Amino acid sequence: MTVRRLAHFSLSQLRPVLEDAGWDVECGDALSAEVTDAHGHFRLTVDKSGRILLKFTTMMNHSPGKVIHTNGRTYALQSESFDITHVATTIASISEFDQALSDMMSLALPAS
């Protein structure tokens, strides 16, 4: 998924905003942040050109586990299914970030 570059700004301005909202943030050449809530797991990447990628992962199916004994060994098996949604955009300035992130998170959530 590609989006065009619009700006060049400091990512350090975004760090406290995200941390105050409960995100775990790493900031280097790009900003990476993660948060898990009742809906699922969000992973956010922002680069200095204003490109934003949000990856949302939610569990769709969680089957009961089972224990299998074979060849003298015991194995525990469990199956899980996940849905992954990617949302991308570009912002031209830091002032657009809050609205863009809010929109992206809303778009990533499954329709009720």
C-alpha atoms as a PDB file:
ATOM      1  CA  MET A   1       0.000   0.000   0.000  1.00  0.00           C
ATOM      2  CA  THR A   2       1.564   3.317  -0.993  1.00  0.00           C
ATOM      3  CA  VAL A   3       0.668   6.925  -0.330  1.00  0.00           C
ATOM      4  CA  ARG A   4       2.510   9.987  -1.559  1.00  0.00           C
ATOM      5  CA  ARG A   5       4.773  12.152   0.585  1.00  0.00           C
ATOM      6  CA  LEU A   6       3.415  15.574   1.490  1.00  0.00           C
ATOM      7  CA  ALA A   7       5.649  17.062   4.170  1.00  0.00           C
ATOM      8  CA  HIS A   8       8.764  16.842   6.270  1.00  0.00           C
ATOM      9  CA  PHE A   9       8.309  17.250  10.010  1.00  0.00           C
ATOM     10  CA  SER A  10       9.669  16.105  13.349  1.00  0.00           C
ATOM     11  CA  LEU A  11       8.117  12.934  14.685  1.00  0.00           C
ATOM     12  CA  SER A  12       9.108  13.760  18.263  1.00  0.00           C
ATOM     13  CA  GLN A  13       6.012  15.989  18.519  1.00  0.00           C
ATOM     14  CA  LEU A  14       3.773  12.941  18.116  1.00  0.00           C
ATOM     15  CA  ARG A  15       5.421  10.834  20.813  1.00  0.00           C
ATOM     16  CA  PRO A  16       3.872  12.529  23.889  1.00  0.00           C
ATOM     17  CA  VAL A  17       0.440  12.671  22.247  1.00  0.00           C
ATOM     18  CA  LEU A  18       0.458   8.924  21.660  1.00  0.00           C
ATOM     19  CA  GLU A  19       2.031   8.039  25.018  1.00  0.00           C
ATOM     20  CA  ASP A  20      -0.598  10.126  26.837  1.00  0.00           C
ATOM     21  CA  ALA A  21      -3.246   8.078  24.992  1.00  0.00           C
ATOM     22  CA  GLY A  22      -1.699   4.799  26.214  1.00  0.00           C
ATOM     23  CA  TRP A  23       0.353   3.813  23.156  1.00  0.00           C
ATOM     24  CA  ASP A  24       3.821   2.223  23.491  1.00  0.00           C
ATOM     25  CA  VAL A  25       6.014   4.382  21.245  1.00  0.00           C
ATOM     26  CA  GLU A  26       9.445   4.025  19.622  1.00  0.00           C
ATOM     27  CA  CYS A  27      10.831   6.953  17.685  1.00  0.00           C
ATOM     28  CA  GLY A  28      13.763   6.790  15.245  1.00  0.00           C
ATOM     29  CA  ASP A  29      13.796   7.340  11.501  1.00  0.00           C
ATOM     30  CA  ALA A  30      10.079   6.542  11.711  1.00  0.00           C
ATOM     31  CA  LEU A  31       7.689   6.499  14.631  1.00  0.00           C
ATOM     32  CA  SER A  32       6.218   3.125  15.600  1.00  0.00           C
ATOM     33  CA  ALA A  33       3.491   2.780  18.190  1.00  0.00           C
ATOM     34  CA  GLU A  34       1.298  -0.040  19.457  1.00  0.00           C
ATOM     35  CA  VAL A  35      -1.762  -0.314  21.646  1.00  0.00           C
ATOM     36  CA  THR A  36      -4.170  -3.127  22.437  1.00  0.00           C
ATOM     37  CA  ASP A  37      -7.722  -2.449  23.524  1.00  0.00           C
ATOM     38  CA  ALA A  38     -11.019  -4.339  23.708  1.00  0.00           C
ATOM     39  CA  HIS A  39     -11.300  -4.271  19.886  1.00  0.00           C
ATOM     40  CA  GLY A  40      -7.856  -5.730  19.130  1.00  0.00           C
ATOM     41  CA  HIS A  41      -4.271  -4.668  18.469  1.00  0.00           C
ATOM     42  CA  PHE A  42      -3.311  -1.464  16.637  1.00  0.00           C
ATOM     43  CA  ARG A  43       0.173  -0.870  15.175  1.00  0.00           C
ATOM     44  CA  LEU A  44       0.921   2.594  13.833  1.00  0.00           C
ATOM     45  CA  THR A  45       3.868   3.721  11.701  1.00  0.00           C
ATOM     46  CA  VAL A  46       4.487   7.355  10.758  1.00  0.00           C
ATOM     47  CA  ASP A  47       7.431   8.573   8.684  1.00  0.00           C
ATOM     48  CA  LYS A  48       8.919  12.085   8.447  1.00  0.00           C
ATOM     49  CA  SER A  49       7.111  12.680   5.158  1.00  0.00           C
ATOM     50  CA  GLY A  50       3.729  12.387   6.843  1.00  0.00           C
ATOM     51  CA  ARG A  51       2.835   8.928   5.582  1.00  0.00           C
ATOM     52  CA  ILE A  52       0.805   6.995   8.145  1.00  0.00           C
ATOM     53  CA  LEU A  53       0.050   3.280   8.156  1.00  0.00           C
ATOM     54  CA  LEU A  54      -2.278   1.719  10.693  1.00  0.00           C
ATOM     55  CA  LYS A  55      -2.473  -2.066  10.999  1.00  0.00           C
ATOM     56  CA  PHE A  56      -5.373  -3.441  13.018  1.00  0.00           C
ATOM     57  CA  THR A  57      -5.455  -7.089  14.076  1.00  0.00           C
ATOM     58  CA  THR A  58      -8.428  -8.709  15.750  1.00  0.00           C
ATOM     59  CA  MET A  59      -9.124 -12.316  16.685  1.00  0.00           C
ATOM     60  CA  MET A  60     -11.982 -13.776  14.692  1.00  0.00           C
ATOM     61  CA  ASN A  61     -12.068 -17.314  16.035  1.00  0.00           C
ATOM     62  CA  HIS A  62     -10.517 -18.991  19.035  1.00  0.00           C
ATOM     63  CA  SER A  63     -11.137 -22.718  19.186  1.00  0.00           C
ATOM     64  CA  PRO A  64     -10.880 -24.676  22.409  1.00  0.00           C
ATOM     65  CA  GLY A  65      -7.506 -26.278  22.820  1.00  0.00           C
ATOM     66  CA  LYS A  66      -6.946 -29.997  22.818  1.00  0.00           C
ATOM     67  CA  VAL A  67      -4.272 -32.339  24.071  1.00  0.00           C
ATOM     68  CA  ILE A  68      -2.931 -35.083  21.819  1.00  0.00           C
ATOM     69  CA  HIS A  69      -0.718 -37.963  22.885  1.00  0.00           C
ATOM     70  CA  THR A  70       1.393 -39.522  20.163  1.00  0.00           C
ATOM     71  CA  ASN A  71       4.685 -41.423  20.056  1.00  0.00           C
ATOM     72  CA  GLY A  72       5.143 -41.104  23.819  1.00  0.00           C
ATOM     73  CA  ARG A  73       4.847 -37.316  23.770  1.00  0.00           C
ATOM     74  CA  THR A  74       2.039 -34.940  24.766  1.00  0.00           C
ATOM     75  CA  TYR A  75       1.158 -32.010  22.501  1.00  0.00           C
ATOM     76  CA  ALA A  76      -1.186 -29.081  23.167  1.00  0.00           C
ATOM     77  CA  LEU A  77      -2.925 -27.708  20.076  1.00  0.00           C
ATOM     78  CA  GLN A  78      -4.956 -24.558  19.675  1.00  0.00           C
ATOM     79  CA  SER A  79      -6.214 -22.816  16.556  1.00  0.00           C
ATOM     80  CA  GLU A  80      -6.859 -19.074  16.186  1.00  0.00           C
ATOM     81  CA  SER A  81      -8.048 -17.013  13.222  1.00  0.00           C
ATOM     82  CA  PHE A  82      -7.274 -13.313  12.832  1.00  0.00           C
ATOM     83  CA  ASP A  83      -8.512 -10.481  10.657  1.00  0.00           C
ATOM     84  CA  ILE A  84      -5.950  -7.840   9.649  1.00  0.00           C
ATOM     85  CA  THR A  85      -6.937  -4.456   8.248  1.00  0.00           C
ATOM     86  CA  HIS A  86      -4.496  -1.860   6.858  1.00  0.00           C
ATOM     87  CA  VAL A  87      -5.394   1.828   6.556  1.00  0.00           C
ATOM     88  CA  ALA A  88      -2.972   4.343   5.005  1.00  0.00           C
ATOM     89  CA  THR A  89      -3.003   8.096   4.455  1.00  0.00           C
ATOM     90  CA  THR A  90      -0.717  11.107   4.355  1.00  0.00           C
ATOM     91  CA  ILE A  91      -0.840  14.280   6.419  1.00  0.00           C
ATOM     92  CA  ALA A  92       0.693  17.619   5.446  1.00  0.00           C
ATOM     93  CA  SER A  93       1.248  18.862   9.007  1.00  0.00           C
ATOM     94  CA  ILE A  94       1.273  17.644  12.600  1.00  0.00           C
ATOM     95  CA  SER A  95      -1.974  19.541  13.226  1.00  0.00           C
ATOM     96  CA  GLU A  96      -3.778  16.996  11.003  1.00  0.00           C
ATOM     97  CA  PHE A  97      -2.523  13.983  12.969  1.00  0.00           C
ATOM     98  CA  ASP A  98      -5.223  13.668  15.659  1.00  0.00           C
ATOM     99  CA  GLN A  99      -8.102  13.720  13.180  1.00  0.00           C
ATOM    100  CA  ALA A 100      -6.315  11.399  10.751  1.00  0.00           C
ATOM    101  CA  LEU A 101      -5.583   8.849  13.497  1.00  0.00           C
ATOM    102  CA  SER A 102      -9.157   8.986  14.778  1.00  0.00           C
ATOM    103  CA  ASP A 103     -10.516   8.455  11.259  1.00  0.00           C
ATOM    104  CA  MET A 104      -8.086   5.614  10.569  1.00  0.00           C
ATOM    105  CA  MET A 105      -8.973   3.778  13.772  1.00  0.00           C
ATOM    106  CA  SER A 106     -12.692   4.121  13.017  1.00  0.00           C
ATOM    107  CA  LEU A 107     -12.196   2.841   9.474  1.00  0.00           C
ATOM    108  CA  ALA A 108     -10.167  -0.137  10.717  1.00  0.00           C
ATOM    109  CA  LEU A 109     -12.865  -1.360  13.087  1.00  0.00           C
ATOM    110  CA  PRO A 110     -15.380  -3.814  11.669  1.00  0.00           C
ATOM    111  CA  ALA A 111     -18.835  -2.341  11.015  1.00  0.00           C
ATOM    112  CA  SER A 112     -21.246  -3.132  13.832  1.00  0.00           C
END
